[in-house]
Each structure stands twice: as structure tokens, then as C-alpha cells.
N, C-alpha and C. Protein backbone atom coordinates (compact mmCIF):
# COMPACT_ATOMS: atom_id res chain seq x y z
N GLY A 1 17.87 -7.27 -35.45
CA GLY A 1 16.60 -6.59 -35.34
C GLY A 1 16.80 -5.19 -34.82
N GLY A 2 15.75 -4.46 -34.76
CA GLY A 2 15.85 -3.11 -34.26
C GLY A 2 14.51 -2.56 -33.83
N TRP A 3 14.59 -1.54 -33.03
CA TRP A 3 13.40 -0.84 -32.54
C TRP A 3 13.44 0.59 -33.05
N ALA A 4 12.27 1.15 -33.23
CA ALA A 4 12.15 2.57 -33.51
C ALA A 4 10.95 3.09 -32.73
N THR A 5 11.07 4.27 -32.21
CA THR A 5 9.97 4.92 -31.52
C THR A 5 9.59 6.14 -32.34
N ILE A 6 8.30 6.27 -32.58
CA ILE A 6 7.79 7.39 -33.37
C ILE A 6 6.72 8.10 -32.56
N TYR A 7 6.80 9.41 -32.50
CA TYR A 7 5.78 10.22 -31.86
C TYR A 7 5.05 11.01 -32.93
N VAL A 8 3.73 10.89 -32.94
CA VAL A 8 2.91 11.67 -33.87
C VAL A 8 2.09 12.62 -33.01
N VAL A 9 2.32 13.91 -33.18
CA VAL A 9 1.66 14.91 -32.35
C VAL A 9 0.82 15.82 -33.26
N THR A 10 -0.46 15.92 -32.95
CA THR A 10 -1.35 16.84 -33.66
C THR A 10 -2.03 17.71 -32.61
N PRO A 11 -2.69 18.76 -33.02
CA PRO A 11 -3.39 19.60 -32.04
C PRO A 11 -4.52 18.87 -31.31
N VAL A 12 -5.04 17.78 -31.88
CA VAL A 12 -6.19 17.09 -31.31
C VAL A 12 -5.81 15.82 -30.57
N VAL A 13 -4.91 15.03 -31.16
CA VAL A 13 -4.55 13.73 -30.57
C VAL A 13 -3.08 13.44 -30.87
N SER A 14 -2.43 12.76 -29.93
CA SER A 14 -1.03 12.37 -30.10
C SER A 14 -0.90 10.86 -29.92
N PHE A 15 0.02 10.26 -30.68
CA PHE A 15 0.23 8.82 -30.64
C PHE A 15 1.68 8.50 -30.33
N HIS A 16 1.88 7.40 -29.65
CA HIS A 16 3.21 6.85 -29.39
C HIS A 16 3.26 5.51 -30.13
N LEU A 17 4.22 5.33 -31.02
CA LEU A 17 4.34 4.10 -31.79
C LEU A 17 5.68 3.44 -31.52
N GLU A 18 5.65 2.13 -31.35
CA GLU A 18 6.87 1.33 -31.21
C GLU A 18 6.90 0.35 -32.38
N VAL A 19 7.95 0.39 -33.16
CA VAL A 19 8.09 -0.47 -34.33
C VAL A 19 9.30 -1.38 -34.08
N ARG A 20 9.10 -2.69 -34.34
CA ARG A 20 10.19 -3.64 -34.15
C ARG A 20 10.28 -4.56 -35.35
N GLN A 21 11.49 -4.86 -35.75
CA GLN A 21 11.73 -5.79 -36.85
C GLN A 21 12.76 -6.81 -36.37
N SER A 22 12.50 -8.08 -36.68
CA SER A 22 13.43 -9.12 -36.25
C SER A 22 14.74 -9.04 -37.02
N ASP A 23 15.75 -9.68 -36.48
CA ASP A 23 17.04 -9.77 -37.14
C ASP A 23 17.10 -11.13 -37.82
N PRO A 24 17.05 -11.16 -39.17
CA PRO A 24 17.04 -12.44 -39.87
C PRO A 24 18.32 -13.26 -39.66
N GLU A 25 19.39 -12.62 -39.21
CA GLU A 25 20.65 -13.33 -38.96
C GLU A 25 20.59 -14.15 -37.67
N THR A 26 19.79 -13.71 -36.71
CA THR A 26 19.76 -14.39 -35.40
C THR A 26 18.41 -15.02 -35.07
N SER A 27 17.40 -14.69 -35.82
CA SER A 27 16.07 -15.21 -35.51
C SER A 27 15.58 -16.12 -36.63
N PRO A 28 15.10 -17.32 -36.26
CA PRO A 28 14.57 -18.21 -37.29
C PRO A 28 13.22 -17.73 -37.85
N CYS A 29 12.60 -16.80 -37.15
CA CYS A 29 11.29 -16.29 -37.56
C CYS A 29 11.42 -14.81 -37.89
N THR A 30 11.12 -14.44 -39.12
CA THR A 30 11.16 -13.02 -39.45
C THR A 30 9.79 -12.42 -39.17
N TYR A 31 9.77 -11.27 -38.58
CA TYR A 31 8.52 -10.62 -38.23
C TYR A 31 8.72 -9.11 -38.12
N GLN A 32 7.63 -8.42 -38.11
CA GLN A 32 7.59 -7.00 -37.82
C GLN A 32 6.41 -6.79 -36.89
N SER A 33 6.58 -5.93 -35.93
CA SER A 33 5.45 -5.64 -35.05
C SER A 33 5.32 -4.14 -34.88
N LEU A 34 4.10 -3.73 -34.65
CA LEU A 34 3.79 -2.32 -34.46
C LEU A 34 2.83 -2.20 -33.30
N ASP A 35 3.26 -1.53 -32.26
CA ASP A 35 2.39 -1.24 -31.12
C ASP A 35 2.18 0.27 -31.09
N THR A 36 0.95 0.66 -30.87
CA THR A 36 0.67 2.09 -30.83
C THR A 36 -0.43 2.37 -29.82
N TRP A 37 -0.38 3.52 -29.24
CA TRP A 37 -1.42 3.92 -28.32
C TRP A 37 -1.56 5.44 -28.34
N ILE A 38 -2.72 5.88 -27.92
CA ILE A 38 -2.97 7.32 -27.82
C ILE A 38 -2.30 7.81 -26.54
N SER A 39 -1.46 8.80 -26.67
CA SER A 39 -0.76 9.32 -25.50
C SER A 39 -1.37 10.63 -24.98
N HIS A 40 -2.15 11.30 -25.82
CA HIS A 40 -2.80 12.54 -25.38
C HIS A 40 -3.95 12.84 -26.33
N MET A 41 -5.02 13.41 -25.80
CA MET A 41 -6.12 13.87 -26.65
C MET A 41 -6.83 15.03 -25.97
N THR A 42 -7.46 15.85 -26.78
CA THR A 42 -8.21 16.97 -26.23
C THR A 42 -9.52 16.48 -25.62
N LYS A 43 -10.08 17.27 -24.74
CA LYS A 43 -11.37 16.92 -24.13
C LYS A 43 -12.47 16.84 -25.18
N GLU A 44 -12.38 17.68 -26.20
CA GLU A 44 -13.38 17.66 -27.28
C GLU A 44 -13.32 16.34 -28.06
N PHE A 45 -12.12 15.88 -28.33
CA PHE A 45 -11.96 14.61 -29.04
C PHE A 45 -12.46 13.45 -28.19
N LEU A 46 -12.15 13.47 -26.93
CA LEU A 46 -12.60 12.42 -26.01
C LEU A 46 -14.12 12.37 -25.93
N ALA A 47 -14.77 13.51 -26.07
CA ALA A 47 -16.23 13.58 -25.97
C ALA A 47 -16.94 13.06 -27.22
N GLU A 48 -16.21 12.92 -28.33
CA GLU A 48 -16.84 12.43 -29.57
C GLU A 48 -17.18 10.96 -29.47
N GLU A 49 -18.17 10.51 -30.26
CA GLU A 49 -18.48 9.09 -30.33
C GLU A 49 -17.39 8.41 -31.16
N TRP A 50 -16.80 7.38 -30.61
CA TRP A 50 -15.75 6.65 -31.31
C TRP A 50 -16.32 5.37 -31.86
N ARG A 51 -15.86 4.99 -33.04
CA ARG A 51 -16.34 3.77 -33.68
C ARG A 51 -15.15 2.92 -34.11
N GLY A 52 -15.43 1.71 -34.52
CA GLY A 52 -14.36 0.83 -34.99
C GLY A 52 -13.46 0.37 -33.87
N ILE A 53 -12.21 0.13 -34.16
CA ILE A 53 -11.28 -0.46 -33.21
C ILE A 53 -11.14 0.41 -31.97
N VAL A 54 -10.92 1.70 -32.16
CA VAL A 54 -10.78 2.59 -31.01
C VAL A 54 -12.06 2.59 -30.18
N GLY A 55 -13.20 2.56 -30.83
CA GLY A 55 -14.47 2.55 -30.12
C GLY A 55 -14.69 1.29 -29.31
N GLU A 56 -14.16 0.18 -29.78
CA GLU A 56 -14.32 -1.08 -29.05
C GLU A 56 -13.59 -1.06 -27.73
N THR A 57 -12.48 -0.37 -27.67
CA THR A 57 -11.66 -0.39 -26.46
C THR A 57 -11.67 0.93 -25.69
N ARG A 58 -12.53 1.83 -26.09
CA ARG A 58 -12.57 3.13 -25.42
C ARG A 58 -13.10 3.04 -24.00
N SER A 59 -14.16 2.27 -23.81
CA SER A 59 -14.77 2.15 -22.49
C SER A 59 -14.28 0.90 -21.78
N LEU A 60 -14.18 1.00 -20.47
CA LEU A 60 -13.80 -0.17 -19.69
C LEU A 60 -14.89 -1.23 -19.81
N LYS A 61 -14.47 -2.47 -19.89
CA LYS A 61 -15.42 -3.58 -19.91
C LYS A 61 -15.20 -4.37 -18.63
N MET A 62 -16.30 -4.69 -17.95
CA MET A 62 -16.23 -5.38 -16.67
C MET A 62 -16.82 -6.77 -16.77
N ASP A 63 -16.29 -7.68 -15.95
CA ASP A 63 -16.85 -9.03 -15.91
C ASP A 63 -18.01 -9.07 -14.92
N ALA A 64 -18.59 -10.23 -14.72
CA ALA A 64 -19.76 -10.37 -13.84
C ALA A 64 -19.45 -9.99 -12.40
N ALA A 65 -18.19 -10.12 -11.99
CA ALA A 65 -17.79 -9.78 -10.62
C ALA A 65 -17.43 -8.30 -10.48
N GLY A 66 -17.53 -7.54 -11.58
CA GLY A 66 -17.22 -6.12 -11.53
C GLY A 66 -15.75 -5.79 -11.71
N LYS A 67 -14.93 -6.78 -12.09
CA LYS A 67 -13.51 -6.53 -12.33
C LYS A 67 -13.29 -6.18 -13.80
N ARG A 68 -12.34 -5.30 -14.03
CA ARG A 68 -12.02 -4.86 -15.39
C ARG A 68 -11.47 -6.02 -16.22
N ILE A 69 -11.99 -6.19 -17.43
CA ILE A 69 -11.51 -7.23 -18.34
C ILE A 69 -10.31 -6.65 -19.09
N LEU A 70 -9.16 -7.31 -18.95
CA LEU A 70 -7.94 -6.82 -19.59
C LEU A 70 -7.41 -7.74 -20.68
N HIS A 71 -7.70 -9.04 -20.59
CA HIS A 71 -7.03 -9.98 -21.48
C HIS A 71 -7.95 -10.83 -22.34
N ASP A 72 -9.22 -10.83 -22.12
CA ASP A 72 -10.13 -11.69 -22.88
C ASP A 72 -10.62 -10.94 -24.12
N ARG A 73 -9.94 -11.15 -25.24
CA ARG A 73 -10.28 -10.41 -26.45
C ARG A 73 -11.70 -10.65 -26.91
N LEU A 74 -12.26 -11.85 -26.63
CA LEU A 74 -13.63 -12.13 -27.03
C LEU A 74 -14.62 -11.26 -26.27
N ALA A 75 -14.25 -10.86 -25.07
CA ALA A 75 -15.12 -9.99 -24.28
C ALA A 75 -14.88 -8.52 -24.58
N ILE A 76 -13.71 -8.19 -25.08
CA ILE A 76 -13.35 -6.78 -25.32
C ILE A 76 -13.68 -6.34 -26.74
N LEU A 77 -13.29 -7.16 -27.72
CA LEU A 77 -13.47 -6.79 -29.12
C LEU A 77 -14.80 -7.29 -29.67
N ASP A 78 -15.27 -6.67 -30.73
CA ASP A 78 -16.56 -7.05 -31.33
C ASP A 78 -16.47 -8.29 -32.20
N TYR A 79 -15.28 -8.62 -32.71
CA TYR A 79 -15.13 -9.74 -33.63
C TYR A 79 -14.15 -10.77 -33.07
N PRO A 80 -14.52 -12.05 -33.08
CA PRO A 80 -13.62 -13.07 -32.53
C PRO A 80 -12.46 -13.44 -33.46
N GLN A 81 -12.59 -13.23 -34.76
CA GLN A 81 -11.55 -13.63 -35.70
C GLN A 81 -10.59 -12.49 -36.02
N ASP A 82 -9.32 -12.83 -36.09
CA ASP A 82 -8.29 -11.84 -36.45
C ASP A 82 -8.55 -11.24 -37.82
N GLU A 83 -9.09 -12.04 -38.74
CA GLU A 83 -9.30 -11.57 -40.11
C GLU A 83 -10.14 -10.30 -40.17
N ALA A 84 -11.01 -10.09 -39.21
CA ALA A 84 -11.86 -8.90 -39.22
C ALA A 84 -11.05 -7.62 -39.00
N TYR A 85 -9.81 -7.75 -38.50
CA TYR A 85 -8.96 -6.61 -38.18
C TYR A 85 -7.75 -6.50 -39.11
N GLU A 86 -7.67 -7.37 -40.10
CA GLU A 86 -6.51 -7.38 -40.99
C GLU A 86 -6.77 -6.58 -42.27
N VAL A 87 -5.73 -5.90 -42.73
CA VAL A 87 -5.79 -5.19 -44.00
C VAL A 87 -5.15 -6.05 -45.08
N ASP A 88 -5.36 -5.68 -46.35
CA ASP A 88 -4.87 -6.49 -47.46
C ASP A 88 -3.41 -6.21 -47.83
N GLY A 89 -2.80 -5.21 -47.27
CA GLY A 89 -1.42 -4.91 -47.62
C GLY A 89 -0.88 -3.79 -46.75
N PRO A 90 0.39 -3.45 -46.93
CA PRO A 90 1.03 -2.46 -46.06
C PRO A 90 0.45 -1.05 -46.13
N PHE A 91 -0.25 -0.72 -47.21
CA PHE A 91 -0.81 0.62 -47.34
C PHE A 91 -2.33 0.63 -47.34
N ALA A 92 -2.93 -0.53 -47.10
CA ALA A 92 -4.39 -0.63 -47.06
C ALA A 92 -4.92 -0.02 -45.78
N THR A 93 -6.11 0.53 -45.84
CA THR A 93 -6.73 1.12 -44.66
C THR A 93 -8.11 0.55 -44.38
N SER A 94 -8.58 -0.32 -45.22
CA SER A 94 -9.92 -0.86 -45.06
C SER A 94 -9.85 -2.27 -44.47
N PHE A 95 -10.71 -2.55 -43.49
CA PHE A 95 -10.83 -3.89 -42.93
C PHE A 95 -12.22 -4.02 -42.33
N LEU A 96 -12.70 -5.24 -42.23
CA LEU A 96 -14.08 -5.51 -41.87
C LEU A 96 -14.53 -4.80 -40.60
N ALA A 97 -13.78 -4.89 -39.52
CA ALA A 97 -14.21 -4.30 -38.25
C ALA A 97 -14.38 -2.79 -38.36
N LYS A 98 -13.49 -2.14 -39.07
CA LYS A 98 -13.59 -0.69 -39.27
C LYS A 98 -14.76 -0.35 -40.18
N ASP A 99 -14.87 -1.06 -41.30
CA ASP A 99 -15.92 -0.77 -42.26
C ASP A 99 -17.30 -1.06 -41.67
N ALA A 100 -17.42 -2.13 -40.90
CA ALA A 100 -18.70 -2.49 -40.30
C ALA A 100 -19.15 -1.45 -39.27
N ALA A 101 -18.20 -0.82 -38.60
CA ALA A 101 -18.54 0.18 -37.61
C ALA A 101 -19.17 1.42 -38.24
N SER A 102 -18.87 1.65 -39.52
CA SER A 102 -19.42 2.84 -40.18
C SER A 102 -20.60 2.51 -41.09
N THR A 103 -21.00 1.24 -41.11
CA THR A 103 -22.16 0.82 -41.91
C THR A 103 -23.04 -0.08 -41.05
N SER A 104 -24.01 -0.66 -41.68
CA SER A 104 -24.88 -1.59 -40.94
C SER A 104 -24.47 -3.03 -41.22
N ALA A 105 -23.20 -3.28 -41.50
CA ALA A 105 -22.73 -4.63 -41.81
C ALA A 105 -22.94 -5.56 -40.62
N VAL A 106 -23.12 -6.80 -40.92
CA VAL A 106 -23.35 -7.83 -39.90
C VAL A 106 -22.01 -8.31 -39.36
N LYS A 107 -21.95 -8.55 -38.06
CA LYS A 107 -20.74 -9.05 -37.43
C LYS A 107 -20.48 -10.49 -37.83
N ILE A 108 -19.20 -10.87 -37.81
CA ILE A 108 -18.82 -12.27 -38.00
C ILE A 108 -19.04 -12.98 -36.68
N GLU A 109 -19.67 -14.10 -36.70
CA GLU A 109 -19.86 -14.89 -35.47
C GLU A 109 -19.18 -16.22 -35.61
């Protein structure tokens, strides 16, 4: 397997990406994973209304006791099913959670 780190820097927003692929010679499970996060953004970009996946996690979410929710995806994300966040292929960009954020589509319950 192997890791790669990719930095995407634009004048408005920068991303840090970690890409990992399993080693089929040593792992019984082949997989690829991609972790990414925003590492920098302008104040103007931060002030914009965010929608879709980024919009779901932009603001802190608190529980009834006032503690920040970090691990309960049902409390953080708008959709309980993974399928709402999946694309149809490696170059697809459309998925239910993103598309619903820009339309009046009904959430999956």
C-alpha cells in the first residue's frame, strides 16, 4: 500500500488531501481511502452561505448538555444513509445530499 499527500492551494481556499491505497500482496481487503479537509480560507469565503456536505459540518453542533457533538453522524449530517453521499463512479460529482442542498428535494428518512 501507499500514501500520498496532496495540497491544493487557490487564492480563496486551500485543501489538504491524504490518499491511501491498500497493498493487495499483504492485505486481504483491497481498498482506497481519501481524507480531505480545508486547511485555509479567506474571510470572504467563510462569510458565504455554505450548502451540502460542507454546509452540514460548517457550524458546531451541540448536544443537550452543551457539549460539542463530534462522533454522532446522525446528529451532525442531514442524511442517515451513506447512499445519500455516494457518487456513481470515480469521476461523478452528483449525489443526493449535494443535489438536495441546491434544490427543494426531500430528505431521506
